[in-house]
Amino acid sequence: MIEQWRRKRDILTALAGELFVSGEELAKQAGISRTAISKHIDSLEDYGVEIFSVKGKGYKLANPVSLIDEDKLTHSLNHRCFYFDELPSTNAFLLQHVDELTSGDICIAEYQSAGRGRRGRSWVSPYGCHLYCSMYWKLQHGMSQASGLSLVVACSLVKVLQSFGIEDLGVKWPNDIYLNNKKLAGVLIEMSGQADSECHLVVGIGINISMSQSQGDKIDQAWSDLSANPSCPSKTELAIALQKQLHQDFSTFERLGLTAFLARWQEVDVFFGKEVKLLMGDNQIQGICKGVDESGAILLETDNGIKAFVGGEISLRSTS
């Protein structure tokens, strides 16, 4: 399997330029047959990589593919870094190995066959196109200590992206990150352990870096990526900066709670001061968004005053 992925990565590197590359040239570079090259191309397309194929010209990537520099990643961090070409889920991998991990350890995969978002939704995960990263953290005081942590993750993401010069960012409660009012990244937090004693926490993050139109068509909402941004960092630089920022912010959260992040959240809250609606099953509540409280609940100004709402089955929408 490792050898097969090495071949595929070499092909992607060869196709990264502006010009088409013939199957004959790819076969020559790889030292394999043109038939084998064709099978690798077909396999890459099955993994969500869009490749232009023109008779008489050869192949070219439809959009950039950015792969992690594993050596740079592992030598830049003081924590364990698990890196794979393919996994069902980076979150699931860490949850399966919690007894072997230290807070701050991360897992990155170039492709997830079973990537997940909030509320059981699938997360579109084409090979090499985006960043799929999970980080482990041990909470000493149980699951109750994690209240509001998803907002901290969103704040960490925004700070990292801003450090690379990316502008027009926003957050939507509880943890979606927007670029130019379209979804750029999402967060999935999963836990195991006890409510009031030591528990294991895994934070999964997906950031769109270079989305092809065919993959984007599978997403049921407006999306954005970093591909057109002149400040777009390499995926490796982004992963390194994100792990360091998360580690710093989680340490602060354990000491000071969500209070330390409320100002950061409000600065980029896309709905603050705007009329919104909360969807809770068959119920719907409208009001003016007043930010979040110290527990991470969203605050709505309604006809009955300011009310706090929190829960995994709540969706926030604009009324416009």
C-alpha atoms as a PDB file:
ATOM      1  CA  MET A   1       0.000   0.000   0.000  1.00  0.00           C
ATOM      2  CA  ILE A   2       2.848   2.402   0.855  1.00  0.00           C
ATOM      3  CA  GLU A   3       4.427   1.771  -2.542  1.00  0.00           C
ATOM      4  CA  GLN A   4       1.112   2.388  -4.309  1.00  0.00           C
ATOM      5  CA  TRP A   5       0.699   5.731  -2.579  1.00  0.00           C
ATOM      6  CA  ARG A   6       4.279   6.703  -3.369  1.00  0.00           C
ATOM      7  CA  ARG A   7       3.505   6.168  -7.057  1.00  0.00           C
ATOM      8  CA  LYS A   8       0.363   8.256  -6.810  1.00  0.00           C
ATOM      9  CA  ARG A   9       2.175  11.076  -5.019  1.00  0.00           C
ATOM     10  CA  ASP A  10       4.904  11.088  -7.689  1.00  0.00           C
ATOM     11  CA  ILE A  11       2.242  11.341 -10.397  1.00  0.00           C
ATOM     12  CA  LEU A  12       0.555  14.246  -8.606  1.00  0.00           C
ATOM     13  CA  THR A  13       3.907  16.046  -8.339  1.00  0.00           C
ATOM     14  CA  ALA A  14       4.498  15.553 -12.064  1.00  0.00           C
ATOM     15  CA  LEU A  15       1.040  16.942 -12.894  1.00  0.00           C
ATOM     16  CA  ALA A  16       1.342  20.009 -10.665  1.00  0.00           C
ATOM     17  CA  GLY A  17       2.650  22.320 -13.399  1.00  0.00           C
ATOM     18  CA  GLU A  18       0.791  24.440 -15.937  1.00  0.00           C
ATOM     19  CA  LEU A  19       1.384  22.100 -18.883  1.00  0.00           C
ATOM     20  CA  PHE A  20      -0.134  18.732 -19.761  1.00  0.00           C
ATOM     21  CA  VAL A  21       2.096  15.685 -19.242  1.00  0.00           C
ATOM     22  CA  SER A  22       1.753  12.691 -21.520  1.00  0.00           C
ATOM     23  CA  GLY A  23       1.099   9.202 -20.217  1.00  0.00           C
ATOM     24  CA  GLU A  24       4.321   8.108 -21.907  1.00  0.00           C
ATOM     25  CA  GLU A  25       6.344  10.713 -19.992  1.00  0.00           C
ATOM     26  CA  LEU A  26       4.690   9.791 -16.706  1.00  0.00           C
ATOM     27  CA  ALA A  27       5.446   6.123 -17.330  1.00  0.00           C
ATOM     28  CA  LYS A  28       9.072   6.952 -18.116  1.00  0.00           C
ATOM     29  CA  GLN A  29       9.476   9.024 -14.951  1.00  0.00           C
ATOM     30  CA  ALA A  30       7.871   6.356 -12.763  1.00  0.00           C
ATOM     31  CA  GLY A  31       9.519   3.366 -14.417  1.00  0.00           C
ATOM     32  CA  ILE A  32       6.185   1.612 -14.956  1.00  0.00           C
ATOM     33  CA  SER A  33       3.887   0.902 -17.917  1.00  0.00           C
ATOM     34  CA  ARG A  34       1.386   3.363 -19.393  1.00  0.00           C
ATOM     35  CA  THR A  35      -1.338   0.913 -18.393  1.00  0.00           C
ATOM     36  CA  ALA A  36      -0.188   1.178 -14.786  1.00  0.00           C
ATOM     37  CA  ILE A  37      -0.195   4.982 -15.068  1.00  0.00           C
ATOM     38  CA  SER A  38      -3.769   4.883 -16.365  1.00  0.00           C
ATOM     39  CA  LYS A  39      -4.825   2.732 -13.395  1.00  0.00           C
ATOM     40  CA  HIS A  40      -3.204   5.156 -10.955  1.00  0.00           C
ATOM     41  CA  ILE A  41      -4.975   8.088 -12.644  1.00  0.00           C
ATOM     42  CA  ASP A  42      -8.316   6.284 -12.372  1.00  0.00           C
ATOM     43  CA  SER A  43      -7.626   5.485  -8.727  1.00  0.00           C
ATOM     44  CA  LEU A  44      -6.764   9.114  -7.922  1.00  0.00           C
ATOM     45  CA  GLU A  45     -10.036  10.226  -9.501  1.00  0.00           C
ATOM     46  CA  ASP A  46     -11.846   7.694  -7.300  1.00  0.00           C
ATOM     47  CA  TYR A  47     -10.241   9.479  -4.344  1.00  0.00           C
ATOM     48  CA  GLY A  48     -11.719  12.790  -5.458  1.00  0.00           C
ATOM     49  CA  VAL A  49      -8.762  14.253  -7.361  1.00  0.00           C
ATOM     50  CA  GLU A  50     -10.027  15.928 -10.540  1.00  0.00           C
ATOM     51  CA  ILE A  51      -7.630  15.362 -13.460  1.00  0.00           C
ATOM     52  CA  PHE A  52      -7.990  16.727 -16.988  1.00  0.00           C
ATOM     53  CA  SER A  53      -7.310  14.114 -19.656  1.00  0.00           C
ATOM     54  CA  VAL A  54      -6.931  15.280 -23.273  1.00  0.00           C
ATOM     55  CA  LYS A  55      -6.121  12.871 -26.083  1.00  0.00           C
ATOM     56  CA  GLY A  56      -2.808  13.707 -27.690  1.00  0.00           C
ATOM     57  CA  LYS A  57      -1.780  15.992 -24.810  1.00  0.00           C
ATOM     58  CA  GLY A  58      -1.938  13.891 -21.663  1.00  0.00           C
ATOM     59  CA  TYR A  59      -2.931  14.800 -18.126  1.00  0.00           C
ATOM     60  CA  LYS A  60      -3.060  17.851 -15.858  1.00  0.00           C
ATOM     61  CA  LEU A  61      -4.556  18.571 -12.442  1.00  0.00           C
ATOM     62  CA  ALA A  62      -7.822  20.500 -12.603  1.00  0.00           C
ATOM     63  CA  ASN A  63      -6.969  22.256  -9.338  1.00  0.00           C
ATOM     64  CA  PRO A  64      -3.889  22.293  -7.078  1.00  0.00           C
ATOM     65  CA  VAL A  65      -3.220  19.416  -4.706  1.00  0.00           C
ATOM     66  CA  SER A  66      -1.196  20.270  -1.609  1.00  0.00           C
ATOM     67  CA  LEU A  67       0.439  17.429   0.303  1.00  0.00           C
ATOM     68  CA  ILE A  68       1.894  17.538   3.801  1.00  0.00           C
ATOM     69  CA  ASP A  69       5.686  17.639   4.150  1.00  0.00           C
ATOM     70  CA  GLU A  70       5.899  14.938   6.808  1.00  0.00           C
ATOM     71  CA  ASP A  71       9.527  15.622   7.771  1.00  0.00           C
ATOM     72  CA  LYS A  72       8.886  19.339   8.260  1.00  0.00           C
ATOM     73  CA  LEU A  73       5.700  18.625  10.213  1.00  0.00           C
ATOM     74  CA  THR A  74       7.269  16.163  12.650  1.00  0.00           C
ATOM     75  CA  HIS A  75      10.417  18.242  13.209  1.00  0.00           C
ATOM     76  CA  SER A  76       8.474  21.462  13.835  1.00  0.00           C
ATOM     77  CA  LEU A  77       6.282  20.186  16.673  1.00  0.00           C
ATOM     78  CA  ASN A  78       7.051  18.856  20.146  1.00  0.00           C
ATOM     79  CA  HIS A  79       4.177  16.387  19.994  1.00  0.00           C
ATOM     80  CA  ARG A  80       3.498  13.133  18.169  1.00  0.00           C
ATOM     81  CA  CYS A  81       2.228  13.550  14.615  1.00  0.00           C
ATOM     82  CA  PHE A  82       0.438  10.634  12.983  1.00  0.00           C
ATOM     83  CA  TYR A  83       0.304  11.118   9.220  1.00  0.00           C
ATOM     84  CA  PHE A  84      -1.500   8.945   6.673  1.00  0.00           C
ATOM     85  CA  ASP A  85      -2.394   9.070   3.007  1.00  0.00           C
ATOM     86  CA  GLU A  86      -5.725   7.430   3.799  1.00  0.00           C
ATOM     87  CA  LEU A  87      -7.848   6.860   6.902  1.00  0.00           C
ATOM     88  CA  PRO A  88     -11.540   6.362   7.582  1.00  0.00           C
ATOM     89  CA  SER A  89     -11.419   9.292  10.054  1.00  0.00           C
ATOM     90  CA  THR A  90      -8.651  11.178  11.897  1.00  0.00           C
ATOM     91  CA  ASN A  91     -10.990  11.607  14.882  1.00  0.00           C
ATOM     92  CA  ALA A  92     -11.738   7.883  15.007  1.00  0.00           C
ATOM     93  CA  PHE A  93      -8.023   7.040  14.859  1.00  0.00           C
ATOM     94  CA  LEU A  94      -7.190   9.182  17.891  1.00  0.00           C
ATOM     95  CA  LEU A  95     -10.222   7.957  19.844  1.00  0.00           C
ATOM     96  CA  GLN A  96      -9.023   4.398  19.300  1.00  0.00           C
ATOM     97  CA  HIS A  97      -5.596   5.224  20.796  1.00  0.00           C
ATOM     98  CA  VAL A  98      -6.403   7.623  23.660  1.00  0.00           C
ATOM     99  CA  ASP A  99      -4.496   5.562  26.233  1.00  0.00           C
ATOM    100  CA  GLU A 100      -1.276   6.078  24.256  1.00  0.00           C
ATOM    101  CA  LEU A 101      -1.606   9.830  23.668  1.00  0.00           C
ATOM    102  CA  THR A 102      -0.460  13.059  25.280  1.00  0.00           C
ATOM    103  CA  SER A 103      -2.376  16.342  25.086  1.00  0.00           C
ATOM    104  CA  GLY A 104      -1.394  18.078  21.848  1.00  0.00           C
ATOM    105  CA  ASP A 105      -0.771  14.954  19.754  1.00  0.00           C
ATOM    106  CA  ILE A 106      -2.277  15.237  16.264  1.00  0.00           C
ATOM    107  CA  CYS A 107      -3.388  13.057  13.370  1.00  0.00           C
ATOM    108  CA  ILE A 108      -3.536  14.211   9.745  1.00  0.00           C
ATOM    109  CA  ALA A 109      -4.780  12.291   6.705  1.00  0.00           C
ATOM    110  CA  GLU A 110      -4.740  13.323   3.062  1.00  0.00           C
ATOM    111  CA  TYR A 111      -8.008  11.443   2.507  1.00  0.00           C
ATOM    112  CA  GLN A 112     -10.848  10.364   4.783  1.00  0.00           C
ATOM    113  CA  SER A 113     -13.189   7.647   3.581  1.00  0.00           C
ATOM    114  CA  ALA A 114     -15.628   8.326   6.424  1.00  0.00           C
ATOM    115  CA  GLY A 115     -15.075  11.963   7.348  1.00  0.00           C
ATOM    116  CA  ARG A 116     -17.832  13.418   9.527  1.00  0.00           C
ATOM    117  CA  GLY A 117     -19.245  16.808  10.433  1.00  0.00           C
ATOM    118  CA  ARG A 118     -21.728  17.920  13.050  1.00  0.00           C
ATOM    119  CA  ARG A 119     -24.976  16.011  13.559  1.00  0.00           C
ATOM    120  CA  GLY A 120     -23.754  12.969  11.629  1.00  0.00           C
ATOM    121  CA  ARG A 121     -23.250  14.746   8.322  1.00  0.00           C
ATOM    122  CA  SER A 122     -20.516  13.495   6.005  1.00  0.00           C
ATOM    123  CA  TRP A 123     -17.515  15.760   5.352  1.00  0.00           C
ATOM    124  CA  VAL A 124     -16.373  15.787   1.724  1.00  0.00           C
ATOM    125  CA  SER A 125     -12.709  14.726   1.881  1.00  0.00           C
ATOM    126  CA  PRO A 126     -11.008  14.494  -1.551  1.00  0.00           C
ATOM    127  CA  TYR A 127      -7.392  13.372  -1.451  1.00  0.00           C
ATOM    128  CA  GLY A 128      -4.793  16.072  -0.879  1.00  0.00           C
ATOM    129  CA  CYS A 129      -7.118  18.986  -1.545  1.00  0.00           C
ATOM    130  CA  HIS A 130      -7.823  20.124   2.017  1.00  0.00           C
ATOM    131  CA  LEU A 131      -6.518  19.851   5.583  1.00  0.00           C
ATOM    132  CA  TYR A 132      -8.070  17.081   7.688  1.00  0.00           C
ATOM    133  CA  CYS A 133      -6.565  17.268  11.162  1.00  0.00           C
ATOM    134  CA  SER A 134      -7.478  16.059  14.649  1.00  0.00           C
ATOM    135  CA  MET A 135      -5.854  16.907  17.987  1.00  0.00           C
ATOM    136  CA  TYR A 136      -6.052  15.021  21.278  1.00  0.00           C
ATOM    137  CA  TRP A 137      -6.477  16.677  24.678  1.00  0.00           C
ATOM    138  CA  LYS A 138      -7.033  15.235  28.157  1.00  0.00           C
ATOM    139  CA  LEU A 139      -9.471  17.127  30.386  1.00  0.00           C
ATOM    140  CA  GLN A 140      -8.757  16.529  34.059  1.00  0.00           C
ATOM    141  CA  HIS A 141     -12.196  17.563  35.311  1.00  0.00           C
ATOM    142  CA  GLY A 142     -14.426  15.666  32.911  1.00  0.00           C
ATOM    143  CA  MET A 143     -16.783  16.412  30.068  1.00  0.00           C
ATOM    144  CA  SER A 144     -18.466  19.242  31.943  1.00  0.00           C
ATOM    145  CA  GLN A 145     -15.214  21.194  31.608  1.00  0.00           C
ATOM    146  CA  ALA A 146     -15.552  21.157  27.814  1.00  0.00           C
ATOM    147  CA  SER A 147     -18.571  23.490  27.719  1.00  0.00           C
ATOM    148  CA  GLY A 148     -17.894  26.184  25.129  1.00  0.00           C
ATOM    149  CA  LEU A 149     -14.688  24.592  23.874  1.00  0.00           C
ATOM    150  CA  SER A 150     -15.925  24.462  20.267  1.00  0.00           C
ATOM    151  CA  LEU A 151     -15.988  28.282  20.274  1.00  0.00           C
ATOM    152  CA  VAL A 152     -12.354  28.304  21.402  1.00  0.00           C
ATOM    153  CA  VAL A 153     -11.416  26.086  18.458  1.00  0.00           C
ATOM    154  CA  ALA A 154     -13.121  28.489  16.066  1.00  0.00           C
ATOM    155  CA  CYS A 155     -11.235  31.420  17.612  1.00  0.00           C
ATOM    156  CA  SER A 156      -7.953  29.495  17.240  1.00  0.00           C
ATOM    157  CA  LEU A 157      -8.653  28.821  13.572  1.00  0.00           C
ATOM    158  CA  VAL A 158      -9.417  32.459  12.846  1.00  0.00           C
ATOM    159  CA  LYS A 159      -6.285  33.662  14.625  1.00  0.00           C
ATOM    160  CA  VAL A 160      -4.076  31.258  12.661  1.00  0.00           C
ATOM    161  CA  LEU A 161      -5.609  32.213   9.304  1.00  0.00           C
ATOM    162  CA  GLN A 162      -5.321  35.915  10.125  1.00  0.00           C
ATOM    163  CA  SER A 163      -1.638  35.411  10.994  1.00  0.00           C
ATOM    164  CA  PHE A 164      -1.122  34.372   7.357  1.00  0.00           C
ATOM    165  CA  GLY A 165      -2.815  37.563   6.131  1.00  0.00           C
ATOM    166  CA  ILE A 166      -6.194  36.035   5.274  1.00  0.00           C
ATOM    167  CA  GLU A 167      -9.015  38.551   5.703  1.00  0.00           C
ATOM    168  CA  ASP A 168     -12.838  38.640   5.615  1.00  0.00           C
ATOM    169  CA  LEU A 169     -13.117  35.788   8.110  1.00  0.00           C
ATOM    170  CA  GLY A 170     -16.076  35.175  10.396  1.00  0.00           C
ATOM    171  CA  VAL A 171     -17.478  32.612  12.823  1.00  0.00           C
ATOM    172  CA  LYS A 172     -20.984  31.220  13.168  1.00  0.00           C
ATOM    173  CA  TRP A 173     -22.125  29.638  16.404  1.00  0.00           C
ATOM    174  CA  PRO A 174     -21.127  27.121  17.532  1.00  0.00           C
ATOM    175  CA  ASN A 175     -17.952  26.528  15.497  1.00  0.00           C
ATOM    176  CA  ASP A 176     -18.220  27.159  11.740  1.00  0.00           C
ATOM    177  CA  ILE A 177     -15.595  29.381  10.102  1.00  0.00           C
ATOM    178  CA  TYR A 178     -16.544  31.537   7.136  1.00  0.00           C
ATOM    179  CA  LEU A 179     -14.558  33.294   4.424  1.00  0.00           C
ATOM    180  CA  ASN A 180     -16.408  35.957   2.428  1.00  0.00           C
ATOM    181  CA  ASN A 181     -19.665  34.745   4.048  1.00  0.00           C
ATOM    182  CA  LYS A 182     -19.219  31.174   2.768  1.00  0.00           C
ATOM    183  CA  LYS A 183     -18.209  28.169   4.860  1.00  0.00           C
ATOM    184  CA  LEU A 184     -14.467  27.592   4.900  1.00  0.00           C
ATOM    185  CA  ALA A 185     -13.953  25.196   7.798  1.00  0.00           C
ATOM    186  CA  GLY A 186     -15.806  23.073  10.319  1.00  0.00           C
ATOM    187  CA  VAL A 187     -15.120  21.471  13.685  1.00  0.00           C
ATOM    188  CA  LEU A 188     -16.218  18.181  15.234  1.00  0.00           C
ATOM    189  CA  ILE A 189     -15.471  17.556  18.928  1.00  0.00           C
ATOM    190  CA  GLU A 190     -15.823  14.046  20.333  1.00  0.00           C
ATOM    191  CA  MET A 191     -15.221  12.797  23.879  1.00  0.00           C
ATOM    192  CA  SER A 192     -14.909   9.616  25.886  1.00  0.00           C
ATOM    193  CA  GLY A 193     -14.718   9.248  29.651  1.00  0.00           C
ATOM    194  CA  GLN A 194     -16.672  10.581  32.611  1.00  0.00           C
ATOM    195  CA  ALA A 195     -18.735  13.715  33.149  1.00  0.00           C
ATOM    196  CA  ASP A 196     -16.943  14.714  36.358  1.00  0.00           C
ATOM    197  CA  SER A 197     -13.519  13.065  36.170  1.00  0.00           C
ATOM    198  CA  GLU A 198     -10.735  12.579  33.652  1.00  0.00           C
ATOM    199  CA  CYS A 199     -11.934  12.372  30.046  1.00  0.00           C
ATOM    200  CA  HIS A 200     -10.436  12.220  26.561  1.00  0.00           C
ATOM    201  CA  LEU A 201     -11.204  14.888  23.990  1.00  0.00           C
ATOM    202  CA  VAL A 202     -10.561  14.800  20.232  1.00  0.00           C
ATOM    203  CA  VAL A 203     -11.013  17.904  18.087  1.00  0.00           C
ATOM    204  CA  GLY A 204     -11.417  17.299  14.365  1.00  0.00           C
ATOM    205  CA  ILE A 205     -10.936  20.183  11.928  1.00  0.00           C
ATOM    206  CA  GLY A 206     -11.535  20.336   8.190  1.00  0.00           C
ATOM    207  CA  ILE A 207     -10.296  23.372   6.228  1.00  0.00           C
ATOM    208  CA  ASN A 208     -11.066  23.784   2.525  1.00  0.00           C
ATOM    209  CA  ILE A 209      -7.862  24.629   0.681  1.00  0.00           C
ATOM    210  CA  SER A 210      -8.467  23.784  -2.988  1.00  0.00           C
ATOM    211  CA  MET A 211     -11.966  22.580  -3.866  1.00  0.00           C
ATOM    212  CA  SER A 212     -12.739  21.317  -7.357  1.00  0.00           C
ATOM    213  CA  GLN A 213     -16.154  22.170  -8.743  1.00  0.00           C
ATOM    214  CA  SER A 214     -17.131  18.508  -8.980  1.00  0.00           C
ATOM    215  CA  GLN A 215     -16.389  18.004  -5.275  1.00  0.00           C
ATOM    216  CA  GLY A 216     -18.006  21.310  -4.355  1.00  0.00           C
ATOM    217  CA  ASP A 217     -21.216  20.205  -6.060  1.00  0.00           C
ATOM    218  CA  LYS A 218     -21.564  17.522  -3.378  1.00  0.00           C
ATOM    219  CA  ILE A 219     -21.861  20.155  -0.633  1.00  0.00           C
ATOM    220  CA  ASP A 220     -25.331  21.388   0.262  1.00  0.00           C
ATOM    221  CA  GLN A 221     -24.342  24.944   1.252  1.00  0.00           C
ATOM    222  CA  ALA A 222     -22.237  27.843  -0.020  1.00  0.00           C
ATOM    223  CA  TRP A 223     -18.554  27.043   0.454  1.00  0.00           C
ATOM    224  CA  SER A 224     -15.222  28.811   0.096  1.00  0.00           C
ATOM    225  CA  ASP A 225     -11.600  27.713   0.014  1.00  0.00           C
ATOM    226  CA  LEU A 226      -8.153  29.284   0.269  1.00  0.00           C
ATOM    227  CA  SER A 227      -7.007  28.598  -3.281  1.00  0.00           C
ATOM    228  CA  ALA A 228      -7.631  32.081  -4.670  1.00  0.00           C
ATOM    229  CA  ASN A 229      -6.156  33.874  -1.661  1.00  0.00           C
ATOM    230  CA  PRO A 230      -2.692  35.310  -2.341  1.00  0.00           C
ATOM    231  CA  SER A 231      -1.838  34.797   1.344  1.00  0.00           C
ATOM    232  CA  CYS A 232      -2.661  31.087   1.308  1.00  0.00           C
ATOM    233  CA  PRO A 233      -0.004  29.196   3.308  1.00  0.00           C
ATOM    234  CA  SER A 234       1.222  25.724   2.499  1.00  0.00           C
ATOM    235  CA  LYS A 235      -0.806  22.980   4.123  1.00  0.00           C
ATOM    236  CA  THR A 236       2.193  22.003   6.230  1.00  0.00           C
ATOM    237  CA  GLU A 237       2.679  25.547   7.550  1.00  0.00           C
ATOM    238  CA  LEU A 238      -1.038  25.763   8.293  1.00  0.00           C
ATOM    239  CA  ALA A 239      -1.047  22.473  10.209  1.00  0.00           C
ATOM    240  CA  ILE A 240       1.978  23.463  12.296  1.00  0.00           C
ATOM    241  CA  ALA A 241       0.589  26.881  13.183  1.00  0.00           C
ATOM    242  CA  LEU A 242      -2.819  25.399  14.002  1.00  0.00           C
ATOM    243  CA  GLN A 243      -1.457  22.770  16.390  1.00  0.00           C
ATOM    244  CA  LYS A 244       0.594  25.386  18.247  1.00  0.00           C
ATOM    245  CA  GLN A 245      -2.313  27.830  18.513  1.00  0.00           C
ATOM    246  CA  LEU A 246      -4.730  25.149  19.680  1.00  0.00           C
ATOM    247  CA  HIS A 247      -2.274  23.978  22.319  1.00  0.00           C
ATOM    248  CA  GLN A 248      -1.839  27.535  23.586  1.00  0.00           C
ATOM    249  CA  ASP A 249      -5.557  28.297  23.588  1.00  0.00           C
ATOM    250  CA  PHE A 250      -6.565  25.006  25.222  1.00  0.00           C
ATOM    251  CA  SER A 251      -4.093  25.671  28.025  1.00  0.00           C
ATOM    252  CA  THR A 252      -5.611  29.132  28.497  1.00  0.00           C
ATOM    253  CA  PHE A 253      -9.126  27.672  28.418  1.00  0.00           C
ATOM    254  CA  GLU A 254      -8.278  25.171  31.163  1.00  0.00           C
ATOM    255  CA  ARG A 255      -7.034  28.010  33.407  1.00  0.00           C
ATOM    256  CA  LEU A 256      -9.517  30.799  32.616  1.00  0.00           C
ATOM    257  CA  GLY A 257     -12.491  29.222  30.853  1.00  0.00           C
ATOM    258  CA  LEU A 258     -14.392  30.679  27.921  1.00  0.00           C
ATOM    259  CA  THR A 259     -14.352  34.183  29.443  1.00  0.00           C
ATOM    260  CA  ALA A 260     -10.857  34.686  28.032  1.00  0.00           C
ATOM    261  CA  PHE A 261     -12.192  34.204  24.484  1.00  0.00           C
ATOM    262  CA  LEU A 262     -15.486  36.125  24.462  1.00  0.00           C
ATOM    263  CA  ALA A 263     -13.975  39.307  23.014  1.00  0.00           C
ATOM    264  CA  ARG A 264     -12.172  37.344  20.273  1.00  0.00           C
ATOM    265  CA  TRP A 265     -15.423  35.586  19.370  1.00  0.00           C
ATOM    266  CA  GLN A 266     -17.499  38.756  19.224  1.00  0.00           C
ATOM    267  CA  GLU A 267     -14.980  40.498  16.925  1.00  0.00           C
ATOM    268  CA  VAL A 268     -15.668  37.966  14.158  1.00  0.00           C
ATOM    269  CA  ASP A 269     -19.216  36.772  14.960  1.00  0.00           C
ATOM    270  CA  VAL A 270     -21.015  37.067  11.609  1.00  0.00           C
ATOM    271  CA  PHE A 271     -24.462  37.276  13.250  1.00  0.00           C
ATOM    272  CA  PHE A 272     -23.772  39.582  16.197  1.00  0.00           C
ATOM    273  CA  GLY A 273     -26.429  42.301  16.328  1.00  0.00           C
ATOM    274  CA  LYS A 274     -28.386  40.750  13.455  1.00  0.00           C
ATOM    275  CA  GLU A 275     -31.800  39.139  13.350  1.00  0.00           C
ATOM    276  CA  VAL A 276     -31.529  35.354  13.332  1.00  0.00           C
ATOM    277  CA  LYS A 277     -33.589  32.236  13.908  1.00  0.00           C
ATOM    278  CA  LEU A 278     -32.793  29.122  15.884  1.00  0.00           C
ATOM    279  CA  LEU A 279     -34.084  25.818  14.546  1.00  0.00           C
ATOM    280  CA  MET A 280     -34.661  23.244  17.285  1.00  0.00           C
ATOM    281  CA  GLY A 281     -36.411  20.231  15.807  1.00  0.00           C
ATOM    282  CA  ASP A 282     -39.868  21.423  14.821  1.00  0.00           C
ATOM    283  CA  ASN A 283     -39.511  24.622  16.847  1.00  0.00           C
ATOM    284  CA  GLN A 284     -38.180  27.963  15.633  1.00  0.00           C
ATOM    285  CA  ILE A 285     -37.219  31.018  17.664  1.00  0.00           C
ATOM    286  CA  GLN A 286     -36.377  34.427  16.199  1.00  0.00           C
ATOM    287  CA  GLY A 287     -34.464  37.260  17.811  1.00  0.00           C
ATOM    288  CA  ILE A 288     -31.413  39.518  17.689  1.00  0.00           C
ATOM    289  CA  CYS A 289     -28.097  37.740  18.205  1.00  0.00           C
ATOM    290  CA  LYS A 290     -26.327  39.121  21.286  1.00  0.00           C
ATOM    291  CA  GLY A 291     -23.263  36.910  21.170  1.00  0.00           C
ATOM    292  CA  VAL A 292     -22.500  34.089  23.573  1.00  0.00           C
ATOM    293  CA  ASP A 293     -22.273  33.716  27.354  1.00  0.00           C
ATOM    294  CA  GLU A 294     -19.520  32.222  29.514  1.00  0.00           C
ATOM    295  CA  SER A 295     -20.884  28.698  29.043  1.00  0.00           C
ATOM    296  CA  GLY A 296     -20.891  28.958  25.238  1.00  0.00           C
ATOM    297  CA  ALA A 297     -24.657  29.340  24.907  1.00  0.00           C
ATOM    298  CA  ILE A 298     -25.924  31.682  22.201  1.00  0.00           C
ATOM    299  CA  LEU A 299     -27.814  34.745  23.441  1.00  0.00           C
ATOM    300  CA  LEU A 300     -30.949  35.922  21.651  1.00  0.00           C
ATOM    301  CA  GLU A 301     -32.878  39.083  22.396  1.00  0.00           C
ATOM    302  CA  THR A 302     -36.545  38.157  22.014  1.00  0.00           C
ATOM    303  CA  ASP A 303     -39.847  39.766  22.973  1.00  0.00           C
ATOM    304  CA  ASN A 304     -39.394  38.109  26.368  1.00  0.00           C
ATOM    305  CA  GLY A 305     -35.900  39.498  26.972  1.00  0.00           C
ATOM    306  CA  ILE A 306     -32.460  37.978  26.399  1.00  0.00           C
ATOM    307  CA  LYS A 307     -32.505  34.176  26.454  1.00  0.00           C
ATOM    308  CA  ALA A 308     -29.637  31.671  26.344  1.00  0.00           C
ATOM    309  CA  PHE A 309     -29.780  28.571  24.150  1.00  0.00           C
ATOM    310  CA  VAL A 310     -27.362  25.660  23.928  1.00  0.00           C
ATOM    311  CA  GLY A 311     -27.506  22.134  22.562  1.00  0.00           C
ATOM    312  CA  GLY A 312     -26.147  19.866  19.861  1.00  0.00           C
ATOM    313  CA  GLU A 313     -29.389  19.802  17.888  1.00  0.00           C
ATOM    314  CA  ILE A 314     -29.734  23.575  17.419  1.00  0.00           C
ATOM    315  CA  SER A 315     -29.081  25.242  14.066  1.00  0.00           C
ATOM    316  CA  LEU A 316     -28.545  28.968  13.649  1.00  0.00           C
ATOM    317  CA  ARG A 317     -29.757  30.729  10.512  1.00  0.00           C
ATOM    318  CA  SER A 318     -30.101  34.277   9.234  1.00  0.00           C
ATOM    319  CA  THR A 319     -33.658  35.531   8.764  1.00  0.00           C
ATOM    320  CA  SER A 320     -32.698  37.458   5.621  1.00  0.00           C
END
